[in-house]
Amino acid sequence: MEDRNKMPYTNAVIHEIQRYIDLVPTSLPHAVSEDVQFRQYLIPKGTTIVPLLSSILHDDEEFPNPDQFDPGHFLDESGNFKKSDYFMPFSTGKRICAGESLARMELFLFFTTILQNFTLKSAIDSEDIDTTPIASGFVRVPPSYELCFLPS
């Protein structure tokens, strides 16, 4: 795991996959713990809200061209990984996913292990692959397609 900090592009790709796919567009319901003034609205204490993570993960001021897959969203001018306060695929607040740190670790380990040990080859031309996520109930998933894992 200590290699992750030495691999900014790989880290950016993993973050961009999570941002782009927007697996769980709405978070669990939250309750406002105190009166909140949001723009011209007063949200009274105890009000149930449902955070729309999609609006944050696809914010065009933070992520230019948010509907395009671009690992550059998470890289600075020097190619170093940059964190974003708008990156919250595991929700936010007290109801953030309890397994977030484990999931981040597993994503990095699985992704890098696959790339180190296999050459990935599509059954069709890569230009013909549509990666636009599909809404399926409460989640968004990429369309399925065949991918060959060839031993390196």
Protein backbone atom coordinates (compact mmCIF):
# COMPACT_ATOMS: atom_id res chain seq x y z
CA MET A 1 0.00 0.00 0.00
CA GLU A 2 2.94 2.34 0.53
CA ASP A 3 3.48 2.26 -3.25
CA ARG A 4 0.18 4.06 -3.83
CA ASN A 5 1.75 7.43 -3.05
CA LYS A 6 4.46 6.71 -5.63
CA MET A 7 1.86 5.94 -8.31
CA PRO A 8 -0.13 9.16 -8.80
CA TYR A 9 -1.53 8.28 -12.23
CA THR A 10 -2.77 4.86 -11.08
CA ASN A 11 -4.31 6.49 -8.00
CA ALA A 12 -5.95 9.11 -10.24
CA VAL A 13 -7.36 6.40 -12.55
CA ILE A 14 -8.92 4.54 -9.61
CA HIS A 15 -10.46 7.77 -8.29
CA GLU A 16 -11.74 8.72 -11.75
CA ILE A 17 -13.34 5.29 -12.21
CA GLN A 18 -15.25 5.81 -8.97
CA ARG A 19 -16.19 9.39 -9.85
CA TYR A 20 -17.22 8.59 -13.40
CA ILE A 21 -19.29 5.50 -12.65
CA ASP A 22 -21.01 7.16 -9.67
CA LEU A 23 -22.01 3.72 -8.37
CA VAL A 24 -24.45 4.92 -5.70
CA PRO A 25 -25.84 8.30 -6.86
CA THR A 26 -27.88 8.96 -3.71
CA SER A 27 -26.64 8.50 -0.21
CA LEU A 28 -28.57 7.18 2.75
CA PRO A 29 -31.00 9.58 4.39
CA HIS A 30 -29.42 11.97 6.87
CA ALA A 31 -31.10 14.16 9.50
CA VAL A 32 -30.08 17.79 9.93
CA SER A 33 -28.63 18.14 13.45
CA GLU A 34 -29.27 21.89 13.70
CA ASP A 35 -31.08 24.59 11.75
CA VAL A 36 -29.17 25.24 8.53
CA GLN A 37 -29.44 28.19 6.18
CA PHE A 38 -28.69 26.90 2.66
CA ARG A 39 -28.79 29.65 0.07
CA GLN A 40 -32.25 31.20 0.49
CA TYR A 41 -33.72 28.18 2.31
CA LEU A 42 -33.96 27.35 5.99
CA ILE A 43 -33.64 23.63 6.70
CA PRO A 44 -34.96 23.05 10.22
CA LYS A 45 -33.26 20.75 12.70
CA GLY A 46 -34.50 17.16 12.34
CA THR A 47 -35.34 17.46 8.63
CA THR A 48 -34.48 14.32 6.66
CA ILE A 49 -32.32 14.97 3.63
CA VAL A 50 -30.96 12.63 0.97
CA PRO A 51 -27.59 13.80 -0.36
CA LEU A 52 -27.32 13.54 -4.14
CA LEU A 53 -23.72 12.45 -4.59
CA SER A 54 -24.05 12.69 -8.38
CA SER A 55 -24.35 16.46 -8.18
CA ILE A 56 -21.00 16.60 -6.41
CA LEU A 57 -19.16 13.95 -8.43
CA HIS A 58 -20.26 15.62 -11.68
CA ASP A 59 -19.76 19.25 -10.63
CA ASP A 60 -18.38 20.96 -13.74
CA GLU A 61 -16.46 23.60 -11.79
CA GLU A 62 -14.45 20.96 -9.91
CA PHE A 63 -14.36 18.40 -12.74
CA PRO A 64 -14.24 20.06 -16.18
CA ASN A 65 -16.12 17.92 -18.71
CA PRO A 66 -17.60 15.76 -15.91
CA ASP A 67 -19.27 13.35 -18.35
CA GLN A 68 -15.91 12.34 -19.82
CA PHE A 69 -13.53 9.87 -18.21
CA ASP A 70 -10.38 11.85 -17.39
CA PRO A 71 -7.85 10.83 -14.71
CA GLY A 72 -6.50 14.38 -15.05
CA HIS A 73 -9.33 15.44 -12.76
CA PHE A 74 -7.14 14.09 -9.94
CA LEU A 75 -3.72 15.26 -11.12
CA ASP A 76 -2.10 18.65 -10.67
CA GLU A 77 0.00 20.45 -13.30
CA SER A 78 3.09 18.46 -12.24
CA GLY A 79 1.36 15.08 -12.54
CA ASN A 80 1.04 14.63 -8.78
CA PHE A 81 -2.13 13.20 -7.29
CA LYS A 82 -4.45 15.89 -5.95
CA LYS A 83 -7.26 15.28 -3.52
CA SER A 84 -10.67 16.79 -4.08
CA ASP A 85 -13.24 17.68 -1.45
CA TYR A 86 -15.82 16.86 -4.14
CA PHE A 87 -14.77 13.21 -4.27
CA MET A 88 -17.18 11.33 -2.02
CA PRO A 89 -18.27 8.07 -3.61
CA PHE A 90 -18.62 6.50 -0.16
CA SER A 91 -21.13 9.12 1.03
CA THR A 92 -20.54 11.85 3.58
CA GLY A 93 -21.06 12.73 7.20
CA LYS A 94 -21.62 10.28 10.02
CA ARG A 95 -23.18 7.76 7.64
CA ILE A 96 -20.12 7.43 5.44
CA CYS A 97 -19.40 3.84 4.45
CA ALA A 98 -17.75 2.06 7.38
CA GLY A 99 -15.69 -0.03 4.97
CA GLU A 100 -14.30 2.92 2.99
CA SER A 101 -10.63 2.45 3.96
CA LEU A 102 -10.80 -1.30 3.28
CA ALA A 103 -12.53 -0.71 -0.06
CA ARG A 104 -9.91 1.87 -1.12
CA MET A 105 -7.12 -0.53 -0.20
CA GLU A 106 -8.74 -3.45 -2.04
CA LEU A 107 -9.42 -1.37 -5.16
CA PHE A 108 -5.77 -0.36 -5.33
CA LEU A 109 -4.43 -3.85 -4.66
CA PHE A 110 -6.77 -5.64 -7.11
CA PHE A 111 -6.31 -3.04 -9.84
CA THR A 112 -2.51 -2.94 -9.65
CA THR A 113 -2.22 -6.74 -9.32
CA ILE A 114 -4.34 -7.22 -12.46
CA LEU A 115 -2.32 -4.64 -14.41
CA GLN A 116 1.00 -6.15 -13.26
CA ASN A 117 0.09 -9.72 -14.16
CA PHE A 118 -2.14 -9.47 -17.22
CA THR A 119 -2.48 -7.75 -20.53
CA LEU A 120 -6.08 -6.67 -21.00
CA LYS A 121 -7.56 -7.10 -24.47
CA SER A 122 -11.06 -6.29 -25.56
CA ALA A 123 -12.99 -8.64 -27.84
CA ILE A 124 -14.08 -5.56 -29.82
CA ASP A 125 -12.29 -2.38 -30.84
CA SER A 126 -11.79 -0.18 -27.77
CA GLU A 127 -13.31 2.77 -29.68
CA ASP A 128 -16.59 0.85 -29.86
CA ILE A 129 -16.89 0.33 -26.09
CA ASP A 130 -19.54 2.47 -24.42
CA THR A 131 -18.61 3.00 -20.78
CA THR A 132 -21.61 5.19 -19.97
CA PRO A 133 -23.03 3.86 -16.69
CA ILE A 134 -26.56 2.45 -16.75
CA ALA A 135 -29.08 3.23 -13.99
CA SER A 136 -30.20 0.01 -12.34
CA GLY A 137 -32.43 0.60 -9.34
CA PHE A 138 -30.49 2.65 -6.80
CA VAL A 139 -27.10 2.11 -8.45
CA ARG A 140 -25.37 2.90 -11.73
CA VAL A 141 -23.25 0.17 -13.33
CA PRO A 142 -21.16 0.11 -16.49
CA PRO A 143 -22.57 -1.90 -19.38
CA SER A 144 -21.12 -5.39 -19.64
CA TYR A 145 -18.64 -6.35 -22.31
CA GLU A 146 -16.06 -9.05 -22.80
CA LEU A 147 -12.48 -8.48 -21.71
CA CYS A 148 -9.67 -11.01 -22.03
CA PHE A 149 -7.03 -11.25 -19.29
CA LEU A 150 -3.91 -12.53 -21.03
CA PRO A 151 -1.03 -13.62 -18.78
CA SER A 152 1.92 -11.24 -19.09
